[in-house]
Amino acid sequence: MASIKPLGARVLVKRLEADEVTAGGIVLPDSAKEKPQEAEVVSLGTGGKDEKGEVIEFTVKVGDKVLISKYGGTDVKVNGEDLLILSESDILGVVED
């Protein structure tokens, strides 16, 4: 079974499913749905480094629900699962319930 470990200040996330029905009750086909901007952090990279070579800690952790940039990252498929690798800077915020 393959797995991916992001490198540097990159994060591996799984997009959370978007609503299939609008507020008005209209069912959206797959072709009309936008990619969801909410995702769950699956794995963290090795960490970025500052100009002194010190490791910069991640501000997110595995399991966090995050809001991601609409067009950021690279789509990858691992073991039949659609995932996204993106820079931590493409994470806009942590969703708190």
C-alpha atoms as a PDB file:
ATOM      1  CA  MET A   1       0.000   0.000   0.000  1.00  0.00           C
ATOM      2  CA  ALA A   2       1.500   3.300  -1.109  1.00  0.00           C
ATOM      3  CA  SER A   3       1.613   6.388   1.061  1.00  0.00           C
ATOM      4  CA  ILE A   4       2.861   9.935   0.594  1.00  0.00           C
ATOM      5  CA  LYS A   5       4.945  11.936   3.073  1.00  0.00           C
ATOM      6  CA  PRO A   6       5.019  15.622   2.065  1.00  0.00           C
ATOM      7  CA  LEU A   7       8.406  17.358   2.129  1.00  0.00           C
ATOM      8  CA  GLY A   8       9.286  20.765   3.523  1.00  0.00           C
ATOM      9  CA  ALA A   9       6.448  23.068   4.551  1.00  0.00           C
ATOM     10  CA  ARG A  10       3.851  21.082   2.607  1.00  0.00           C
ATOM     11  CA  VAL A  11       0.680  19.506   3.917  1.00  0.00           C
ATOM     12  CA  LEU A  12      -1.356  16.559   2.585  1.00  0.00           C
ATOM     13  CA  VAL A  13      -5.106  17.113   2.890  1.00  0.00           C
ATOM     14  CA  LYS A  14      -8.327  15.376   1.912  1.00  0.00           C
ATOM     15  CA  ARG A  15     -11.069  17.625   0.594  1.00  0.00           C
ATOM     16  CA  LEU A  16     -14.344  17.357   2.496  1.00  0.00           C
ATOM     17  CA  GLU A  17     -17.450  16.736   0.402  1.00  0.00           C
ATOM     18  CA  ALA A  18     -19.342  19.777  -0.875  1.00  0.00           C
ATOM     19  CA  ASP A  19     -23.098  20.115  -0.513  1.00  0.00           C
ATOM     20  CA  GLU A  20     -25.005  18.478  -3.365  1.00  0.00           C
ATOM     21  CA  VAL A  21     -28.161  20.530  -2.778  1.00  0.00           C
ATOM     22  CA  THR A  22     -28.381  24.326  -2.811  1.00  0.00           C
ATOM     23  CA  ALA A  23     -30.177  26.297  -0.100  1.00  0.00           C
ATOM     24  CA  GLY A  24     -33.133  26.539  -2.515  1.00  0.00           C
ATOM     25  CA  GLY A  25     -33.321  22.733  -2.851  1.00  0.00           C
ATOM     26  CA  ILE A  26     -31.734  22.400  -6.311  1.00  0.00           C
ATOM     27  CA  VAL A  27     -29.635  19.240  -6.711  1.00  0.00           C
ATOM     28  CA  LEU A  28     -26.284  19.999  -8.329  1.00  0.00           C
ATOM     29  CA  PRO A  29     -24.690  17.569 -10.804  1.00  0.00           C
ATOM     30  CA  ASP A  30     -20.969  16.793 -10.341  1.00  0.00           C
ATOM     31  CA  SER A  31     -20.050  19.029 -13.286  1.00  0.00           C
ATOM     32  CA  ALA A  32     -21.666  22.082 -11.634  1.00  0.00           C
ATOM     33  CA  LYS A  33     -20.114  21.624  -8.196  1.00  0.00           C
ATOM     34  CA  GLU A  34     -17.111  23.683  -7.193  1.00  0.00           C
ATOM     35  CA  LYS A  35     -14.190  21.960  -5.526  1.00  0.00           C
ATOM     36  CA  PRO A  36     -14.706  22.147  -1.774  1.00  0.00           C
ATOM     37  CA  GLN A  37     -12.464  24.583   0.063  1.00  0.00           C
ATOM     38  CA  GLU A  38     -12.766  22.729   3.353  1.00  0.00           C
ATOM     39  CA  ALA A  39     -10.328  19.881   3.945  1.00  0.00           C
ATOM     40  CA  GLU A  40      -8.906  17.653   6.659  1.00  0.00           C
ATOM     41  CA  VAL A  41      -5.153  17.498   7.299  1.00  0.00           C
ATOM     42  CA  VAL A  42      -3.899  13.949   6.633  1.00  0.00           C
ATOM     43  CA  SER A  43      -0.115  14.363   6.932  1.00  0.00           C
ATOM     44  CA  LEU A  44       2.502  17.048   7.552  1.00  0.00           C
ATOM     45  CA  GLY A  45       5.821  17.545   5.777  1.00  0.00           C
ATOM     46  CA  THR A  46       9.265  17.704   7.309  1.00  0.00           C
ATOM     47  CA  GLY A  47       8.904  21.429   8.094  1.00  0.00           C
ATOM     48  CA  GLY A  48      10.154  24.626   6.568  1.00  0.00           C
ATOM     49  CA  LYS A  49      13.318  26.442   7.623  1.00  0.00           C
ATOM     50  CA  ASP A  50      13.956  30.095   8.307  1.00  0.00           C
ATOM     51  CA  GLU A  51      16.982  32.072   7.103  1.00  0.00           C
ATOM     52  CA  LYS A  52      19.054  30.774  10.051  1.00  0.00           C
ATOM     53  CA  GLY A  53      18.246  27.141   9.192  1.00  0.00           C
ATOM     54  CA  GLU A  54      15.942  26.732  12.193  1.00  0.00           C
ATOM     55  CA  VAL A  55      12.914  24.492  11.623  1.00  0.00           C
ATOM     56  CA  ILE A  56       9.614  26.392  11.533  1.00  0.00           C
ATOM     57  CA  GLU A  57       6.852  24.471  13.322  1.00  0.00           C
ATOM     58  CA  PHE A  58       3.542  23.870  11.580  1.00  0.00           C
ATOM     59  CA  THR A  59       0.528  25.837  12.795  1.00  0.00           C
ATOM     60  CA  VAL A  60      -1.825  22.966  11.885  1.00  0.00           C
ATOM     61  CA  LYS A  61      -1.858  19.334  13.002  1.00  0.00           C
ATOM     62  CA  VAL A  62      -3.114  16.054  11.572  1.00  0.00           C
ATOM     63  CA  GLY A  63      -6.907  15.874  11.898  1.00  0.00           C
ATOM     64  CA  ASP A  64      -7.484  19.652  11.749  1.00  0.00           C
ATOM     65  CA  LYS A  65     -10.294  20.839   9.479  1.00  0.00           C
ATOM     66  CA  VAL A  66      -8.930  23.703   7.422  1.00  0.00           C
ATOM     67  CA  LEU A  67     -10.049  26.206   4.806  1.00  0.00           C
ATOM     68  CA  ILE A  68      -7.773  26.023   1.762  1.00  0.00           C
ATOM     69  CA  SER A  69      -7.033  28.320  -1.149  1.00  0.00           C
ATOM     70  CA  LYS A  70      -9.361  27.643  -4.073  1.00  0.00           C
ATOM     71  CA  TYR A  71      -6.653  27.055  -6.679  1.00  0.00           C
ATOM     72  CA  GLY A  72      -3.677  26.042  -4.533  1.00  0.00           C
ATOM     73  CA  GLY A  73      -1.966  22.693  -4.355  1.00  0.00           C
ATOM     74  CA  THR A  74      -1.517  19.634  -6.536  1.00  0.00           C
ATOM     75  CA  ASP A  75      -4.137  16.885  -6.816  1.00  0.00           C
ATOM     76  CA  VAL A  76      -2.803  13.349  -6.208  1.00  0.00           C
ATOM     77  CA  LYS A  77      -4.471   9.949  -6.043  1.00  0.00           C
ATOM     78  CA  VAL A  78      -3.208   7.480  -3.421  1.00  0.00           C
ATOM     79  CA  ASN A  79      -4.765   4.036  -3.079  1.00  0.00           C
ATOM     80  CA  GLY A  80      -7.828   5.260  -4.989  1.00  0.00           C
ATOM     81  CA  GLU A  81      -8.301   8.254  -2.682  1.00  0.00           C
ATOM     82  CA  ASP A  82      -8.185  11.829  -4.039  1.00  0.00           C
ATOM     83  CA  LEU A  83      -5.840  13.991  -1.956  1.00  0.00           C
ATOM     84  CA  LEU A  84      -4.149  17.363  -2.319  1.00  0.00           C
ATOM     85  CA  ILE A  85      -0.577  18.424  -1.493  1.00  0.00           C
ATOM     86  CA  LEU A  86      -0.231  22.135  -0.779  1.00  0.00           C
ATOM     87  CA  SER A  87       2.052  24.586   0.957  1.00  0.00           C
ATOM     88  CA  GLU A  88       1.074  25.485   4.475  1.00  0.00           C
ATOM     89  CA  SER A  89       0.747  29.072   3.207  1.00  0.00           C
ATOM     90  CA  ASP A  90      -2.198  27.904   1.008  1.00  0.00           C
ATOM     91  CA  ILE A  91      -4.119  27.092   4.192  1.00  0.00           C
ATOM     92  CA  LEU A  92      -6.293  30.110   4.966  1.00  0.00           C
ATOM     93  CA  GLY A  93      -7.471  29.088   8.423  1.00  0.00           C
ATOM     94  CA  VAL A  94      -8.515  26.337  10.813  1.00  0.00           C
ATOM     95  CA  VAL A  95     -12.244  25.593  11.035  1.00  0.00           C
ATOM     96  CA  GLU A  96     -13.380  25.504  14.653  1.00  0.00           C
ATOM     97  CA  ASP A  97     -16.711  23.857  15.502  1.00  0.00           C
END
